[in-house]
Each structure stands twice: as C-alpha cells, then as structure tokens.
Amino acid sequence: QALAAQRQINFTRSNEHEADRVGIELLAGAGFDPYGMASFFEKLGRRYGASSQYVPELLQTHPVSSQRVAEARDRARQLPTVSPTNSLTYTLTKARMVALNAATPEAAFAAFRDKADSDAPEDRYGMALASMRMSLHDNAERLFRGLIADYPNTMAFRVGRAEAMAAGGATSAALEIYADAIRLFPRNVPLTISYAETLISAGKPAEAHDLLLDLLNNVPATAPQLRLIARAANAEGDVANAYFYMSYYYQSVSNLPLAIGQVRMALETPNANEVDRARFRARLDQLIEYLPDDQRELATTSPQ
C-alpha cells in the first residue's frame, strides 16, 4: 500500500514539475519577472513551512522545498531578462490596501507618515486615505486636489476628493465634483457607486436610483451593487422595486427561495402599477424555472 501511494505521489510530482516549467514560461512570456515564482515559493515556505517541517517530503503531495525553489530559480535564469514596470493602478491599489487594512487609523497614518514629503502618487494617495481614517478631511481633500492637478484622468483621486469633502460636511460641493466627474467618465463603476452612496446620504435617493439603474443596465451587477440599488429604491419610497432588486441580490448569492420570496412581496405591494406587476410576474416565472422539479409544482400553485 505504501509503495502504491508513493508511486501516486511520484506521478503527482512529475505533473507538478511540468506545471512549474510551463507556468514560469507563461509568466516570462506575459512580461512578468520569472524570478517571482521562486520568490513566491519562498514566501509560502516561510509561512507554512513550520507546520510541515516534521513531515518527510516524500509524504507530502506538494512540498514547497528548497529543491523546488532552486529549480524555479534555475529555470528563470534560462529565460530572457524581464524588466517589469508597475502600473499606476497597481501602486495605488497597493497603497489603498495598506491604508484601509491597517488595524487602526493611527497605524494607517503611521505607515505613510515618513513619506509625507514624497512626490510619488501612491504615497500621496496613501497619506490622503490615512488622513480620512484619522478624520483629517481637510488634509485629505488638499492631497487629493493636488493629485487631480497632476493626474487628471485618474478616477481614484476624483472619487477620493469627493468622499473627503462629503465626510467633512461639504456635501453640496462634493456632489458638484461627482456630477462633473460623471460627465467626464460616464458609467465608471467606482465613481458611480460612490456618487450614488453620497446621493442617498444627502437625501436624494431618486437620483441615486436613476444613476444606478443606468449603470446596472449596462454592466454586470455585483451583489453589493444590487443591495445598493435596492436601498436607493426603498429610500425613494419605491418599495416594490426594492423587493424586486433584492430578488436579484439573493439569486446572486445562491439563495433561490429568498429571491422568490422577494418577488412575491413585490407583487403584494399595494402601490405597484400594472407594468411593474407584469415585470414581477415574469421574474417570478423565471426564478421558478430554476427550482427542482419537486419544488416547482408547489411554487407554481402558490398564490402570485
């Protein structure tokens, strides 16, 4: 039995070596640094190595061993040298993760405090986000304003400035910035979502509803976006459509019974017009079709 198991592991190792070889060639061909694979293996080894140090390598199906790291480095040496460059989107995303995932606002601010005089956009962006976490909204707005002047086509800076102004109480000015940005970059997803959230908070849910409806009719919706449009409709007083949107939310998280329940509640809403009711019935029939056969007949005979 042990010999059979070892033969199976050997077969898996062979596939693993081949996967490493193909993977590193694909990395290099796509413009990535092929040495990154060996570095990643080293990180895995540092993180999980202690848990498997007492298990012999021959008993492990996918060991992150020094031999595997060395083989990855040897393959990388045989490939053409790559000089990767980080895009602005990448560096901004990295700074955002540092600022927003810090355990405390103070920790986020400390992460960028020593870079306060840096001209690098990612450092200035991280400091602006950290300032927002520290409720230093005027400082954040000043930093975002400078970033917009230097990088007018980078949406993250426009969104950040508007959010900083709204958080600081300058809601009307923030909405003007959003409106200007949405004219320049229509249906930009992060911008539209942030704009809609601010509109709802400012007591303008009908505008948020229209804005989100235009976006979600043109781009695939995520579960949080479906909850947001349902929230906008509900705040507007359009309860029937709020239930209708929530049916899409529950379907997106694979909860079909609740999705059907939301459509039924939409149909029972007194102020729903006949056009909406026809849309809700069509939606209910569509959802019922997804049910197993033994549940479909029962759902069909339930009152609609």
C-alpha atoms as a PDB file:
ATOM      1  CA  GLN A   1       0.000   0.000   0.000  1.00  0.00           C
ATOM      2  CA  ALA A   2       2.856   2.380   0.869  1.00  0.00           C
ATOM      3  CA  LEU A   3       4.555   1.621  -2.463  1.00  0.00           C
ATOM      4  CA  ALA A   4       1.330   2.301  -4.365  1.00  0.00           C
ATOM      5  CA  ALA A   5       0.867   5.580  -2.514  1.00  0.00           C
ATOM      6  CA  GLN A   6       4.463   6.606  -3.215  1.00  0.00           C
ATOM      7  CA  ARG A   7       4.072   5.824  -6.909  1.00  0.00           C
ATOM      8  CA  GLN A   8       0.992   8.054  -6.993  1.00  0.00           C
ATOM      9  CA  ILE A   9       2.934  10.857  -5.273  1.00  0.00           C
ATOM     10  CA  ASN A  10       5.777  10.451  -7.782  1.00  0.00           C
ATOM     11  CA  PHE A  11       3.266  10.805 -10.609  1.00  0.00           C
ATOM     12  CA  THR A  12       1.897  13.968  -8.964  1.00  0.00           C
ATOM     13  CA  ARG A  13       5.435  15.355  -8.571  1.00  0.00           C
ATOM     14  CA  SER A  14       6.102  14.838 -12.252  1.00  0.00           C
ATOM     15  CA  ASN A  15       2.977  16.802 -13.120  1.00  0.00           C
ATOM     16  CA  GLU A  16       3.972  19.449 -10.606  1.00  0.00           C
ATOM     17  CA  HIS A  17       7.414  19.917 -12.150  1.00  0.00           C
ATOM     18  CA  GLU A  18       5.851  20.201 -15.581  1.00  0.00           C
ATOM     19  CA  ALA A  19       3.312  22.759 -14.272  1.00  0.00           C
ATOM     20  CA  ASP A  20       6.121  24.819 -12.737  1.00  0.00           C
ATOM     21  CA  ARG A  21       8.025  24.761 -16.025  1.00  0.00           C
ATOM     22  CA  VAL A  22       5.030  25.796 -18.121  1.00  0.00           C
ATOM     23  CA  GLY A  23       3.939  28.371 -15.552  1.00  0.00           C
ATOM     24  CA  ILE A  24       7.288  30.127 -15.405  1.00  0.00           C
ATOM     25  CA  GLU A  25       7.455  30.309 -19.199  1.00  0.00           C
ATOM     26  CA  LEU A  26       3.964  31.810 -19.304  1.00  0.00           C
ATOM     27  CA  LEU A  27       4.995  34.376 -16.686  1.00  0.00           C
ATOM     28  CA  ALA A  28       8.004  35.450 -18.712  1.00  0.00           C
ATOM     29  CA  GLY A  29       6.018  35.499 -21.951  1.00  0.00           C
ATOM     30  CA  ALA A  30       3.391  37.757 -20.363  1.00  0.00           C
ATOM     31  CA  GLY A  31       6.042  40.243 -19.276  1.00  0.00           C
ATOM     32  CA  PHE A  32       6.282  39.232 -15.620  1.00  0.00           C
ATOM     33  CA  ASP A  33       9.540  38.661 -13.778  1.00  0.00           C
ATOM     34  CA  PRO A  34      10.089  34.863 -13.893  1.00  0.00           C
ATOM     35  CA  TYR A  35      12.034  35.055 -10.627  1.00  0.00           C
ATOM     36  CA  GLY A  36       8.748  35.965  -8.982  1.00  0.00           C
ATOM     37  CA  MET A  37       7.737  32.296  -8.921  1.00  0.00           C
ATOM     38  CA  ALA A  38      10.749  31.325  -6.829  1.00  0.00           C
ATOM     39  CA  SER A  39      10.146  34.295  -4.534  1.00  0.00           C
ATOM     40  CA  PHE A  40       6.534  33.243  -4.103  1.00  0.00           C
ATOM     41  CA  PHE A  41       7.567  29.688  -3.221  1.00  0.00           C
ATOM     42  CA  GLU A  42       9.937  31.111  -0.609  1.00  0.00           C
ATOM     43  CA  LYS A  43       7.112  33.121   0.937  1.00  0.00           C
ATOM     44  CA  LEU A  44       4.917  30.021   1.071  1.00  0.00           C
ATOM     45  CA  GLY A  45       7.752  28.123   2.697  1.00  0.00           C
ATOM     46  CA  ARG A  46       8.234  30.816   5.350  1.00  0.00           C
ATOM     47  CA  ARG A  47       4.537  30.949   6.118  1.00  0.00           C
ATOM     48  CA  TYR A  48       3.612  27.283   6.102  1.00  0.00           C
ATOM     49  CA  GLY A  49       6.950  25.555   6.420  1.00  0.00           C
ATOM     50  CA  ALA A  50       6.813  25.287  10.206  1.00  0.00           C
ATOM     51  CA  SER A  51       3.605  23.248  10.084  1.00  0.00           C
ATOM     52  CA  SER A  52       5.168  20.617   7.826  1.00  0.00           C
ATOM     53  CA  GLN A  53       8.779  20.566   8.962  1.00  0.00           C
ATOM     54  CA  TYR A  54       8.251  17.290  10.825  1.00  0.00           C
ATOM     55  CA  VAL A  55       6.622  15.593   7.818  1.00  0.00           C
ATOM     56  CA  PRO A  56       9.077  13.973   5.406  1.00  0.00           C
ATOM     57  CA  GLU A  57       8.999  15.467   1.931  1.00  0.00           C
ATOM     58  CA  LEU A  58       8.263  12.089   0.340  1.00  0.00           C
ATOM     59  CA  LEU A  59       4.944  12.015   2.245  1.00  0.00           C
ATOM     60  CA  GLN A  60       3.851  15.457   1.040  1.00  0.00           C
ATOM     61  CA  THR A  61       1.953  15.870  -2.223  1.00  0.00           C
ATOM     62  CA  HIS A  62       3.042  19.459  -2.926  1.00  0.00           C
ATOM     63  CA  PRO A  63       6.030  20.329  -0.741  1.00  0.00           C
ATOM     64  CA  VAL A  64       7.435  23.842  -1.000  1.00  0.00           C
ATOM     65  CA  SER A  65      11.001  22.634  -0.618  1.00  0.00           C
ATOM     66  CA  SER A  66      14.369  24.281  -1.163  1.00  0.00           C
ATOM     67  CA  GLN A  67      14.773  21.985  -4.179  1.00  0.00           C
ATOM     68  CA  ARG A  68      11.591  23.349  -5.768  1.00  0.00           C
ATOM     69  CA  VAL A  69      12.728  26.928  -5.137  1.00  0.00           C
ATOM     70  CA  ALA A  70      16.169  26.187  -6.608  1.00  0.00           C
ATOM     71  CA  GLU A  71      14.619  24.589  -9.707  1.00  0.00           C
ATOM     72  CA  ALA A  72      12.395  27.628 -10.203  1.00  0.00           C
ATOM     73  CA  ARG A  73      15.404  29.957  -9.971  1.00  0.00           C
ATOM     74  CA  ASP A  74      17.375  27.771 -12.407  1.00  0.00           C
ATOM     75  CA  ARG A  75      14.540  27.886 -14.946  1.00  0.00           C
ATOM     76  CA  ALA A  76      14.274  31.676 -14.535  1.00  0.00           C
ATOM     77  CA  ARG A  77      17.994  32.054 -15.319  1.00  0.00           C
ATOM     78  CA  GLN A  78      17.463  30.300 -18.658  1.00  0.00           C
ATOM     79  CA  LEU A  79      14.765  32.756 -19.752  1.00  0.00           C
ATOM     80  CA  PRO A  80      15.255  36.240 -21.235  1.00  0.00           C
ATOM     81  CA  THR A  81      15.689  39.015 -18.679  1.00  0.00           C
ATOM     82  CA  VAL A  82      12.470  40.872 -17.950  1.00  0.00           C
ATOM     83  CA  SER A  83      12.351  44.395 -16.561  1.00  0.00           C
ATOM     84  CA  PRO A  84       8.808  44.670 -15.214  1.00  0.00           C
ATOM     85  CA  THR A  85       7.281  48.067 -14.501  1.00  0.00           C
ATOM     86  CA  ASN A  86       4.468  48.640 -12.048  1.00  0.00           C
ATOM     87  CA  SER A  87       1.464  50.498 -13.414  1.00  0.00           C
ATOM     88  CA  LEU A  88      -0.036  53.436 -11.539  1.00  0.00           C
ATOM     89  CA  THR A  89      -3.158  51.367 -10.902  1.00  0.00           C
ATOM     90  CA  TYR A  90      -1.070  48.678  -9.217  1.00  0.00           C
ATOM     91  CA  THR A  91       0.839  51.071  -6.958  1.00  0.00           C
ATOM     92  CA  LEU A  92      -2.356  52.911  -5.977  1.00  0.00           C
ATOM     93  CA  THR A  93      -4.112  49.647  -5.185  1.00  0.00           C
ATOM     94  CA  LYS A  94      -1.191  48.554  -3.040  1.00  0.00           C
ATOM     95  CA  ALA A  95      -1.232  51.861  -1.134  1.00  0.00           C
ATOM     96  CA  ARG A  96      -5.004  51.598  -0.688  1.00  0.00           C
ATOM     97  CA  MET A  97      -4.689  48.127   0.805  1.00  0.00           C
ATOM     98  CA  VAL A  98      -2.058  49.343   3.264  1.00  0.00           C
ATOM     99  CA  ALA A  99      -4.120  52.365   4.307  1.00  0.00           C
ATOM    100  CA  LEU A 100      -7.502  50.686   4.609  1.00  0.00           C
ATOM    101  CA  ASN A 101      -6.402  47.338   6.029  1.00  0.00           C
ATOM    102  CA  ALA A 102      -4.327  48.785   8.855  1.00  0.00           C
ATOM    103  CA  ALA A 103      -5.637  47.679  12.240  1.00  0.00           C
ATOM    104  CA  THR A 104      -6.246  51.246  13.446  1.00  0.00           C
ATOM    105  CA  PRO A 105      -6.414  54.716  11.881  1.00  0.00           C
ATOM    106  CA  GLU A 106      -3.211  55.566  13.753  1.00  0.00           C
ATOM    107  CA  ALA A 107      -1.435  52.578  12.216  1.00  0.00           C
ATOM    108  CA  ALA A 108      -2.610  53.619   8.747  1.00  0.00           C
ATOM    109  CA  PHE A 109      -1.329  57.152   9.293  1.00  0.00           C
ATOM    110  CA  ALA A 110       1.993  55.887  10.660  1.00  0.00           C
ATOM    111  CA  ALA A 111       2.503  53.734   7.558  1.00  0.00           C
ATOM    112  CA  PHE A 112       2.706  56.876   5.403  1.00  0.00           C
ATOM    113  CA  ARG A 113       3.954  59.466   7.902  1.00  0.00           C
ATOM    114  CA  ASP A 114       7.596  59.060   6.869  1.00  0.00           C
ATOM    115  CA  LYS A 115       6.573  59.520   3.224  1.00  0.00           C
ATOM    116  CA  ALA A 116       4.782  62.817   3.787  1.00  0.00           C
ATOM    117  CA  ASP A 117       7.292  64.699   1.593  1.00  0.00           C
ATOM    118  CA  SER A 118       7.278  62.079  -1.168  1.00  0.00           C
ATOM    119  CA  ASP A 119       6.200  63.096  -4.663  1.00  0.00           C
ATOM    120  CA  ALA A 120       5.212  59.533  -5.546  1.00  0.00           C
ATOM    121  CA  PRO A 121       1.460  59.453  -6.307  1.00  0.00           C
ATOM    122  CA  GLU A 122       0.955  56.230  -4.367  1.00  0.00           C
ATOM    123  CA  ASP A 123       2.495  57.742  -1.217  1.00  0.00           C
ATOM    124  CA  ARG A 124       0.375  60.875  -1.504  1.00  0.00           C
ATOM    125  CA  TYR A 125      -2.707  58.746  -2.150  1.00  0.00           C
ATOM    126  CA  GLY A 126      -1.989  56.521   0.833  1.00  0.00           C
ATOM    127  CA  MET A 127      -1.493  59.566   3.067  1.00  0.00           C
ATOM    128  CA  ALA A 128      -4.804  61.014   1.862  1.00  0.00           C
ATOM    129  CA  LEU A 129      -6.654  57.790   2.658  1.00  0.00           C
ATOM    130  CA  ALA A 130      -4.937  57.532   6.039  1.00  0.00           C
ATOM    131  CA  SER A 131      -5.891  61.156   6.752  1.00  0.00           C
ATOM    132  CA  MET A 132      -9.519  60.293   6.052  1.00  0.00           C
ATOM    133  CA  ARG A 133      -9.328  57.434   8.532  1.00  0.00           C
ATOM    134  CA  MET A 134      -7.968  59.914  11.069  1.00  0.00           C
ATOM    135  CA  SER A 135     -10.879  62.294  10.262  1.00  0.00           C
ATOM    136  CA  LEU A 136      -8.399  64.832   8.874  1.00  0.00           C
ATOM    137  CA  HIS A 137     -10.706  65.504   5.949  1.00  0.00           C
ATOM    138  CA  ASP A 138      -9.297  68.932   5.031  1.00  0.00           C
ATOM    139  CA  ASN A 139      -5.811  67.453   4.733  1.00  0.00           C
ATOM    140  CA  ALA A 140      -7.150  64.560   2.639  1.00  0.00           C
ATOM    141  CA  GLU A 141      -9.029  66.951   0.340  1.00  0.00           C
ATOM    142  CA  ARG A 142      -5.892  69.060  -0.156  1.00  0.00           C
ATOM    143  CA  LEU A 143      -3.852  65.974  -1.068  1.00  0.00           C
ATOM    144  CA  PHE A 144      -6.489  64.691  -3.484  1.00  0.00           C
ATOM    145  CA  ARG A 145      -6.775  68.128  -5.100  1.00  0.00           C
ATOM    146  CA  GLY A 146      -3.059  68.145  -5.797  1.00  0.00           C
ATOM    147  CA  LEU A 147      -3.197  64.626  -7.199  1.00  0.00           C
ATOM    148  CA  ILE A 148      -6.041  65.574  -9.557  1.00  0.00           C
ATOM    149  CA  ALA A 149      -3.990  68.507 -10.831  1.00  0.00           C
ATOM    150  CA  ASP A 150      -1.089  66.162 -11.617  1.00  0.00           C
ATOM    151  CA  TYR A 151      -3.145  63.170 -12.790  1.00  0.00           C
ATOM    152  CA  PRO A 152      -6.497  64.493 -14.110  1.00  0.00           C
ATOM    153  CA  ASN A 153      -7.508  61.191 -15.727  1.00  0.00           C
ATOM    154  CA  THR A 154      -7.061  59.034 -12.617  1.00  0.00           C
ATOM    155  CA  MET A 155     -10.530  58.355 -11.259  1.00  0.00           C
ATOM    156  CA  ALA A 156      -9.408  57.241  -7.787  1.00  0.00           C
ATOM    157  CA  PHE A 157      -8.270  60.785  -6.984  1.00  0.00           C
ATOM    158  CA  ARG A 158     -11.556  62.391  -8.024  1.00  0.00           C
ATOM    159  CA  VAL A 159     -13.558  59.877  -6.033  1.00  0.00           C
ATOM    160  CA  GLY A 160     -11.279  60.337  -3.042  1.00  0.00           C
ATOM    161  CA  ARG A 161     -11.620  64.123  -3.080  1.00  0.00           C
ATOM    162  CA  ALA A 162     -15.412  63.962  -3.282  1.00  0.00           C
ATOM    163  CA  GLU A 163     -15.557  61.408  -0.455  1.00  0.00           C
ATOM    164  CA  ALA A 164     -13.253  63.539   1.701  1.00  0.00           C
ATOM    165  CA  MET A 165     -15.414  66.614   1.144  1.00  0.00           C
ATOM    166  CA  ALA A 166     -18.621  64.733   1.878  1.00  0.00           C
ATOM    167  CA  ALA A 167     -17.135  63.257   5.050  1.00  0.00           C
ATOM    168  CA  GLY A 168     -16.048  66.753   6.089  1.00  0.00           C
ATOM    169  CA  GLY A 169     -19.583  68.112   5.723  1.00  0.00           C
ATOM    170  CA  ALA A 170     -19.213  69.842   2.347  1.00  0.00           C
ATOM    171  CA  THR A 171     -21.838  67.616   0.759  1.00  0.00           C
ATOM    172  CA  SER A 172     -23.078  70.076  -1.873  1.00  0.00           C
ATOM    173  CA  ALA A 173     -19.547  70.757  -3.120  1.00  0.00           C
ATOM    174  CA  ALA A 174     -18.845  67.012  -3.160  1.00  0.00           C
ATOM    175  CA  LEU A 175     -21.936  66.371  -5.286  1.00  0.00           C
ATOM    176  CA  GLU A 176     -20.776  69.016  -7.751  1.00  0.00           C
ATOM    177  CA  ILE A 177     -17.436  67.235  -8.066  1.00  0.00           C
ATOM    178  CA  TYR A 178     -19.219  63.921  -8.607  1.00  0.00           C
ATOM    179  CA  ALA A 179     -21.509  65.426 -11.249  1.00  0.00           C
ATOM    180  CA  ASP A 180     -18.544  66.915 -13.099  1.00  0.00           C
ATOM    181  CA  ALA A 181     -16.624  63.634 -12.931  1.00  0.00           C
ATOM    182  CA  ILE A 182     -19.567  61.548 -14.118  1.00  0.00           C
ATOM    183  CA  ARG A 183     -19.867  63.796 -17.189  1.00  0.00           C
ATOM    184  CA  LEU A 184     -16.220  63.154 -17.978  1.00  0.00           C
ATOM    185  CA  PHE A 185     -16.306  59.435 -17.156  1.00  0.00           C
ATOM    186  CA  PRO A 186     -19.897  58.149 -17.602  1.00  0.00           C
ATOM    187  CA  ARG A 187     -20.685  54.722 -16.158  1.00  0.00           C
ATOM    188  CA  ASN A 188     -17.351  54.444 -14.422  1.00  0.00           C
ATOM    189  CA  VAL A 189     -18.222  51.817 -11.815  1.00  0.00           C
ATOM    190  CA  PRO A 190     -16.279  53.005  -8.709  1.00  0.00           C
ATOM    191  CA  LEU A 191     -17.271  56.613  -9.411  1.00  0.00           C
ATOM    192  CA  THR A 192     -20.947  55.785  -9.938  1.00  0.00           C
ATOM    193  CA  ILE A 193     -21.180  53.662  -6.789  1.00  0.00           C
ATOM    194  CA  SER A 194     -19.516  56.317  -4.633  1.00  0.00           C
ATOM    195  CA  TYR A 195     -21.705  59.038  -6.176  1.00  0.00           C
ATOM    196  CA  ALA A 196     -24.870  57.010  -5.528  1.00  0.00           C
ATOM    197  CA  GLU A 197     -23.938  56.367  -1.910  1.00  0.00           C
ATOM    198  CA  THR A 198     -23.367  60.087  -1.353  1.00  0.00           C
ATOM    199  CA  LEU A 199     -26.669  60.963  -3.058  1.00  0.00           C
ATOM    200  CA  ILE A 200     -28.543  58.594  -0.751  1.00  0.00           C
ATOM    201  CA  SER A 201     -26.830  60.063   2.312  1.00  0.00           C
ATOM    202  CA  ALA A 202     -27.682  63.562   1.046  1.00  0.00           C
ATOM    203  CA  GLY A 203     -31.388  62.702   0.841  1.00  0.00           C
ATOM    204  CA  LYS A 204     -31.514  62.327  -2.943  1.00  0.00           C
ATOM    205  CA  PRO A 205     -32.318  58.620  -3.370  1.00  0.00           C
ATOM    206  CA  ALA A 206     -34.322  59.115  -6.599  1.00  0.00           C
ATOM    207  CA  GLU A 207     -31.228  60.483  -8.356  1.00  0.00           C
ATOM    208  CA  ALA A 208     -29.168  57.620  -6.966  1.00  0.00           C
ATOM    209  CA  HIS A 209     -31.785  55.137  -8.187  1.00  0.00           C
ATOM    210  CA  ASP A 210     -31.688  56.512 -11.743  1.00  0.00           C
ATOM    211  CA  LEU A 211     -27.904  56.629 -11.751  1.00  0.00           C
ATOM    212  CA  LEU A 212     -27.568  53.029 -10.583  1.00  0.00           C
ATOM    213  CA  LEU A 213     -30.274  51.776 -12.928  1.00  0.00           C
ATOM    214  CA  ASP A 214     -28.394  53.233 -15.902  1.00  0.00           C
ATOM    215  CA  LEU A 215     -25.140  51.643 -14.708  1.00  0.00           C
ATOM    216  CA  LEU A 216     -26.522  48.183 -13.935  1.00  0.00           C
ATOM    217  CA  ASN A 217     -28.377  48.036 -17.243  1.00  0.00           C
ATOM    218  CA  ASN A 218     -25.000  48.291 -18.962  1.00  0.00           C
ATOM    219  CA  VAL A 219     -22.514  46.408 -16.758  1.00  0.00           C
ATOM    220  CA  PRO A 220     -22.834  43.116 -14.840  1.00  0.00           C
ATOM    221  CA  ALA A 221     -24.014  43.815 -11.301  1.00  0.00           C
ATOM    222  CA  THR A 222     -22.316  42.549  -8.162  1.00  0.00           C
ATOM    223  CA  ALA A 223     -24.211  41.573  -5.024  1.00  0.00           C
ATOM    224  CA  PRO A 224     -23.269  44.778  -3.098  1.00  0.00           C
ATOM    225  CA  GLN A 225     -24.368  46.899  -6.069  1.00  0.00           C
ATOM    226  CA  LEU A 226     -27.746  45.137  -6.137  1.00  0.00           C
ATOM    227  CA  ARG A 227     -28.196  45.825  -2.426  1.00  0.00           C
ATOM    228  CA  LEU A 228     -27.312  49.462  -3.027  1.00  0.00           C
ATOM    229  CA  ILE A 229     -29.915  49.989  -5.757  1.00  0.00           C
ATOM    230  CA  ALA A 230     -32.497  48.254  -3.559  1.00  0.00           C
ATOM    231  CA  ARG A 231     -31.545  50.645  -0.751  1.00  0.00           C
ATOM    232  CA  ALA A 232     -31.939  53.632  -3.096  1.00  0.00           C
ATOM    233  CA  ALA A 233     -35.367  52.465  -4.286  1.00  0.00           C
ATOM    234  CA  ASN A 234     -36.536  51.843  -0.734  1.00  0.00           C
ATOM    235  CA  ALA A 235     -35.345  55.288   0.421  1.00  0.00           C
ATOM    236  CA  GLU A 236     -37.197  56.794  -2.540  1.00  0.00           C
ATOM    237  CA  GLY A 237     -40.381  55.056  -1.438  1.00  0.00           C
ATOM    238  CA  ASP A 238     -40.414  52.622  -4.348  1.00  0.00           C
ATOM    239  CA  VAL A 239     -40.813  49.590  -2.102  1.00  0.00           C
ATOM    240  CA  ALA A 240     -41.991  47.234  -4.847  1.00  0.00           C
ATOM    241  CA  ASN A 241     -38.842  47.742  -6.912  1.00  0.00           C
ATOM    242  CA  ALA A 242     -36.715  47.497  -3.778  1.00  0.00           C
ATOM    243  CA  TYR A 243     -38.065  43.969  -3.275  1.00  0.00           C
ATOM    244  CA  PHE A 244     -37.564  43.299  -6.994  1.00  0.00           C
ATOM    245  CA  TYR A 245     -33.884  44.293  -6.856  1.00  0.00           C
ATOM    246  CA  MET A 246     -33.366  42.240  -3.710  1.00  0.00           C
ATOM    247  CA  SER A 247     -34.569  39.181  -5.609  1.00  0.00           C
ATOM    248  CA  TYR A 248     -31.546  39.637  -7.881  1.00  0.00           C
ATOM    249  CA  TYR A 249     -29.321  40.054  -4.843  1.00  0.00           C
ATOM    250  CA  TYR A 250     -30.479  36.783  -3.278  1.00  0.00           C
ATOM    251  CA  GLN A 251     -30.153  34.984  -6.594  1.00  0.00           C
ATOM    252  CA  SER A 252     -26.577  36.282  -6.888  1.00  0.00           C
ATOM    253  CA  VAL A 253     -25.728  34.739  -3.505  1.00  0.00           C
ATOM    254  CA  SER A 254     -27.447  31.450  -4.492  1.00  0.00           C
ATOM    255  CA  ASN A 255     -30.465  31.780  -2.202  1.00  0.00           C
ATOM    256  CA  LEU A 256     -33.292  30.988  -4.607  1.00  0.00           C
ATOM    257  CA  PRO A 257     -36.114  30.628  -2.023  1.00  0.00           C
ATOM    258  CA  LEU A 258     -35.457  34.108  -0.654  1.00  0.00           C
ATOM    259  CA  ALA A 259     -35.214  35.501  -4.188  1.00  0.00           C
ATOM    260  CA  ILE A 260     -38.672  34.086  -4.961  1.00  0.00           C
ATOM    261  CA  GLY A 261     -39.982  35.435  -1.665  1.00  0.00           C
ATOM    262  CA  GLN A 262     -38.790  38.933  -2.545  1.00  0.00           C
ATOM    263  CA  VAL A 263     -40.636  38.866  -5.887  1.00  0.00           C
ATOM    264  CA  ARG A 264     -43.802  37.680  -4.152  1.00  0.00           C
ATOM    265  CA  MET A 265     -43.542  40.609  -1.727  1.00  0.00           C
ATOM    266  CA  ALA A 266     -43.063  42.940  -4.695  1.00  0.00           C
ATOM    267  CA  LEU A 267     -46.301  41.597  -6.201  1.00  0.00           C
ATOM    268  CA  GLU A 268     -48.110  42.160  -2.899  1.00  0.00           C
ATOM    269  CA  THR A 269     -47.011  45.780  -2.627  1.00  0.00           C
ATOM    270  CA  PRO A 270     -50.172  47.944  -2.945  1.00  0.00           C
ATOM    271  CA  ASN A 271     -48.680  50.852  -4.921  1.00  0.00           C
ATOM    272  CA  ALA A 272     -47.113  48.740  -7.704  1.00  0.00           C
ATOM    273  CA  ASN A 273     -48.512  49.631 -11.127  1.00  0.00           C
ATOM    274  CA  GLU A 274     -49.620  47.099 -13.734  1.00  0.00           C
ATOM    275  CA  VAL A 275     -46.473  47.456 -15.839  1.00  0.00           C
ATOM    276  CA  ASP A 276     -44.318  46.672 -12.794  1.00  0.00           C
ATOM    277  CA  ARG A 277     -46.597  43.782 -11.802  1.00  0.00           C
ATOM    278  CA  ALA A 278     -46.193  42.237 -15.252  1.00  0.00           C
ATOM    279  CA  ARG A 279     -42.412  42.563 -14.887  1.00  0.00           C
ATOM    280  CA  PHE A 280     -42.552  40.974 -11.425  1.00  0.00           C
ATOM    281  CA  ARG A 281     -44.659  38.038 -12.662  1.00  0.00           C
ATOM    282  CA  ALA A 282     -42.210  37.394 -15.494  1.00  0.00           C
ATOM    283  CA  ARG A 283     -39.379  37.482 -12.988  1.00  0.00           C
ATOM    284  CA  LEU A 284     -41.209  35.045 -10.696  1.00  0.00           C
ATOM    285  CA  ASP A 285     -41.818  32.596 -13.545  1.00  0.00           C
ATOM    286  CA  GLN A 286     -38.133  32.803 -14.456  1.00  0.00           C
ATOM    287  CA  LEU A 287     -36.994  32.028 -10.910  1.00  0.00           C
ATOM    288  CA  ILE A 288     -39.459  29.172 -10.502  1.00  0.00           C
ATOM    289  CA  GLU A 289     -37.962  27.501 -13.577  1.00  0.00           C
ATOM    290  CA  TYR A 290     -34.677  27.197 -11.689  1.00  0.00           C
ATOM    291  CA  LEU A 291     -36.291  25.150  -8.898  1.00  0.00           C
ATOM    292  CA  PRO A 292     -36.019  21.334  -8.744  1.00  0.00           C
ATOM    293  CA  ASP A 293     -38.971  19.507 -10.245  1.00  0.00           C
ATOM    294  CA  ASP A 294     -40.449  18.517  -6.875  1.00  0.00           C
ATOM    295  CA  GLN A 295     -40.473  22.146  -5.710  1.00  0.00           C
ATOM    296  CA  ARG A 296     -41.507  23.792  -8.973  1.00  0.00           C
ATOM    297  CA  GLU A 297     -45.084  22.475  -8.978  1.00  0.00           C
ATOM    298  CA  LEU A 298     -45.633  23.629  -5.404  1.00  0.00           C
ATOM    299  CA  ALA A 299     -44.251  27.089  -6.166  1.00  0.00           C
ATOM    300  CA  THR A 300     -46.394  27.385  -9.296  1.00  0.00           C
ATOM    301  CA  THR A 301     -49.580  26.640  -7.390  1.00  0.00           C
ATOM    302  CA  SER A 302     -48.769  29.179  -4.668  1.00  0.00           C
ATOM    303  CA  PRO A 303     -50.640  32.490  -4.964  1.00  0.00           C
ATOM    304  CA  GLN A 304     -48.953  35.095  -7.157  1.00  0.00           C
END
